[in-house]
């Protein structure tokens, strides 16, 4: 029984650490996508003189552009054109 506990405790600690790291992966992925979305919107706003579209840079638009990518930017452009 003691040998079983000696083997079980490190496995439980490893499992707990792994379980706690999963939400952090999601947070870092959202941060990375947010940075990419910000850069895309910033670059699109730099050429807004040619395109006529200027995107607001806020948390919602940055995450839409970052998570959805090019389709998200197209959706933002369509929303801006039709609203």
C-alpha atoms as a PDB file:
ATOM      1  CA  UNK A   1       0.000   0.000   0.000  1.00  0.00           C
ATOM      2  CA  UNK A   2       2.849   2.402   0.787  1.00  0.00           C
ATOM      3  CA  UNK A   3       4.494   1.708  -2.572  1.00  0.00           C
ATOM      4  CA  UNK A   4       1.186   2.441  -4.276  1.00  0.00           C
ATOM      5  CA  UNK A   5       0.928   5.820  -2.537  1.00  0.00           C
ATOM      6  CA  UNK A   6       4.528   6.659  -3.384  1.00  0.00           C
ATOM      7  CA  UNK A   7       3.699   6.121  -7.071  1.00  0.00           C
ATOM      8  CA  UNK A   8       0.263   7.743  -6.909  1.00  0.00           C
ATOM      9  CA  UNK A   9       1.274  11.082  -5.338  1.00  0.00           C
ATOM     10  CA  UNK A  10       3.651  12.203  -8.154  1.00  0.00           C
ATOM     11  CA  UNK A  11       1.064  11.171 -10.749  1.00  0.00           C
ATOM     12  CA  UNK A  12      -1.614  13.223  -8.982  1.00  0.00           C
ATOM     13  CA  UNK A  13       0.694  16.233  -8.765  1.00  0.00           C
ATOM     14  CA  UNK A  14       1.582  15.914 -12.454  1.00  0.00           C
ATOM     15  CA  UNK A  15      -2.098  15.604 -13.372  1.00  0.00           C
ATOM     16  CA  UNK A  16      -3.008  18.656 -11.305  1.00  0.00           C
ATOM     17  CA  UNK A  17      -0.264  20.768 -12.889  1.00  0.00           C
ATOM     18  CA  UNK A  18      -1.313  19.655 -16.369  1.00  0.00           C
ATOM     19  CA  UNK A  19      -4.965  20.448 -15.585  1.00  0.00           C
ATOM     20  CA  UNK A  20      -4.031  23.936 -14.391  1.00  0.00           C
ATOM     21  CA  UNK A  21      -1.959  24.695 -17.504  1.00  0.00           C
ATOM     22  CA  UNK A  22      -4.788  24.035 -19.978  1.00  0.00           C
ATOM     23  CA  UNK A  23      -6.584  27.365 -19.325  1.00  0.00           C
ATOM     24  CA  UNK A  24      -3.259  29.208 -19.600  1.00  0.00           C
ATOM     25  CA  UNK A  25      -2.753  27.779 -23.100  1.00  0.00           C
ATOM     26  CA  UNK A  26      -6.130  29.214 -24.080  1.00  0.00           C
ATOM     27  CA  UNK A  27      -5.247  32.607 -22.601  1.00  0.00           C
ATOM     28  CA  UNK A  28      -1.914  32.738 -24.435  1.00  0.00           C
ATOM     29  CA  UNK A  29      -3.586  31.676 -27.673  1.00  0.00           C
ATOM     30  CA  UNK A  30      -6.141  34.486 -27.322  1.00  0.00           C
ATOM     31  CA  UNK A  31      -3.361  36.977 -26.582  1.00  0.00           C
ATOM     32  CA  UNK A  32      -1.390  35.867 -29.638  1.00  0.00           C
ATOM     33  CA  UNK A  33      -4.490  36.055 -31.842  1.00  0.00           C
ATOM     34  CA  UNK A  34      -5.311  39.465 -30.380  1.00  0.00           C
ATOM     35  CA  UNK A  35      -1.850  40.788 -31.250  1.00  0.00           C
ATOM     36  CA  UNK A  36      -2.193  39.467 -34.797  1.00  0.00           C
ATOM     37  CA  UNK A  37      -5.655  41.010 -35.096  1.00  0.00           C
ATOM     38  CA  UNK A  38      -4.364  44.349 -33.811  1.00  0.00           C
ATOM     39  CA  UNK A  39      -1.525  44.358 -36.322  1.00  0.00           C
ATOM     40  CA  UNK A  40      -3.897  43.521 -39.180  1.00  0.00           C
ATOM     41  CA  UNK A  41      -6.339  46.276 -38.243  1.00  0.00           C
ATOM     42  CA  UNK A  42      -3.493  48.747 -37.726  1.00  0.00           C
ATOM     43  CA  UNK A  43      -2.078  47.987 -41.172  1.00  0.00           C
ATOM     44  CA  UNK A  44      -5.520  48.218 -42.765  1.00  0.00           C
ATOM     45  CA  UNK A  45      -6.079  51.586 -41.092  1.00  0.00           C
ATOM     46  CA  UNK A  46      -2.773  52.799 -42.541  1.00  0.00           C
ATOM     47  CA  UNK A  47      -4.088  52.204 -46.065  1.00  0.00           C
ATOM     48  CA  UNK A  48      -7.577  53.500 -45.288  1.00  0.00           C
ATOM     49  CA  UNK A  49      -6.991  56.434 -47.637  1.00  0.00           C
ATOM     50  CA  UNK A  50      -7.036  54.049 -50.570  1.00  0.00           C
ATOM     51  CA  UNK A  51      -9.716  51.679 -49.337  1.00  0.00           C
ATOM     52  CA  UNK A  52     -12.069  54.157 -47.699  1.00  0.00           C
ATOM     53  CA  UNK A  53     -12.591  51.789 -44.782  1.00  0.00           C
ATOM     54  CA  UNK A  54     -11.371  52.636 -41.321  1.00  0.00           C
ATOM     55  CA  UNK A  55     -11.783  49.970 -38.668  1.00  0.00           C
ATOM     56  CA  UNK A  56     -12.158  50.871 -35.009  1.00  0.00           C
ATOM     57  CA  UNK A  57      -9.464  49.252 -32.895  1.00  0.00           C
ATOM     58  CA  UNK A  58     -11.101  47.896 -29.755  1.00  0.00           C
ATOM     59  CA  UNK A  59     -11.169  44.564 -27.973  1.00  0.00           C
ATOM     60  CA  UNK A  60     -14.111  43.176 -29.940  1.00  0.00           C
ATOM     61  CA  UNK A  61     -12.776  44.033 -33.399  1.00  0.00           C
ATOM     62  CA  UNK A  62      -9.248  42.932 -32.529  1.00  0.00           C
ATOM     63  CA  UNK A  63     -10.442  39.527 -31.305  1.00  0.00           C
ATOM     64  CA  UNK A  64     -12.753  39.088 -34.303  1.00  0.00           C
ATOM     65  CA  UNK A  65      -9.902  39.851 -36.688  1.00  0.00           C
ATOM     66  CA  UNK A  66      -7.426  37.757 -34.711  1.00  0.00           C
ATOM     67  CA  UNK A  67      -9.535  34.662 -34.149  1.00  0.00           C
ATOM     68  CA  UNK A  68     -11.381  34.541 -37.469  1.00  0.00           C
ATOM     69  CA  UNK A  69      -8.566  35.907 -39.623  1.00  0.00           C
ATOM     70  CA  UNK A  70      -9.369  37.150 -43.120  1.00  0.00           C
ATOM     71  CA  UNK A  71     -13.051  36.112 -42.969  1.00  0.00           C
ATOM     72  CA  UNK A  72     -13.351  38.121 -39.748  1.00  0.00           C
ATOM     73  CA  UNK A  73     -11.919  41.211 -41.425  1.00  0.00           C
ATOM     74  CA  UNK A  74     -14.331  40.738 -44.326  1.00  0.00           C
ATOM     75  CA  UNK A  75     -17.217  40.514 -41.858  1.00  0.00           C
ATOM     76  CA  UNK A  76     -16.045  43.721 -40.160  1.00  0.00           C
ATOM     77  CA  UNK A  77     -15.852  45.453 -43.546  1.00  0.00           C
ATOM     78  CA  UNK A  78     -19.343  44.249 -44.520  1.00  0.00           C
ATOM     79  CA  UNK A  79     -20.769  45.401 -41.205  1.00  0.00           C
ATOM     80  CA  UNK A  80     -19.199  48.798 -41.674  1.00  0.00           C
ATOM     81  CA  UNK A  81     -20.451  49.100 -45.253  1.00  0.00           C
ATOM     82  CA  UNK A  82     -24.028  48.113 -44.506  1.00  0.00           C
ATOM     83  CA  UNK A  83     -24.505  49.812 -41.147  1.00  0.00           C
END
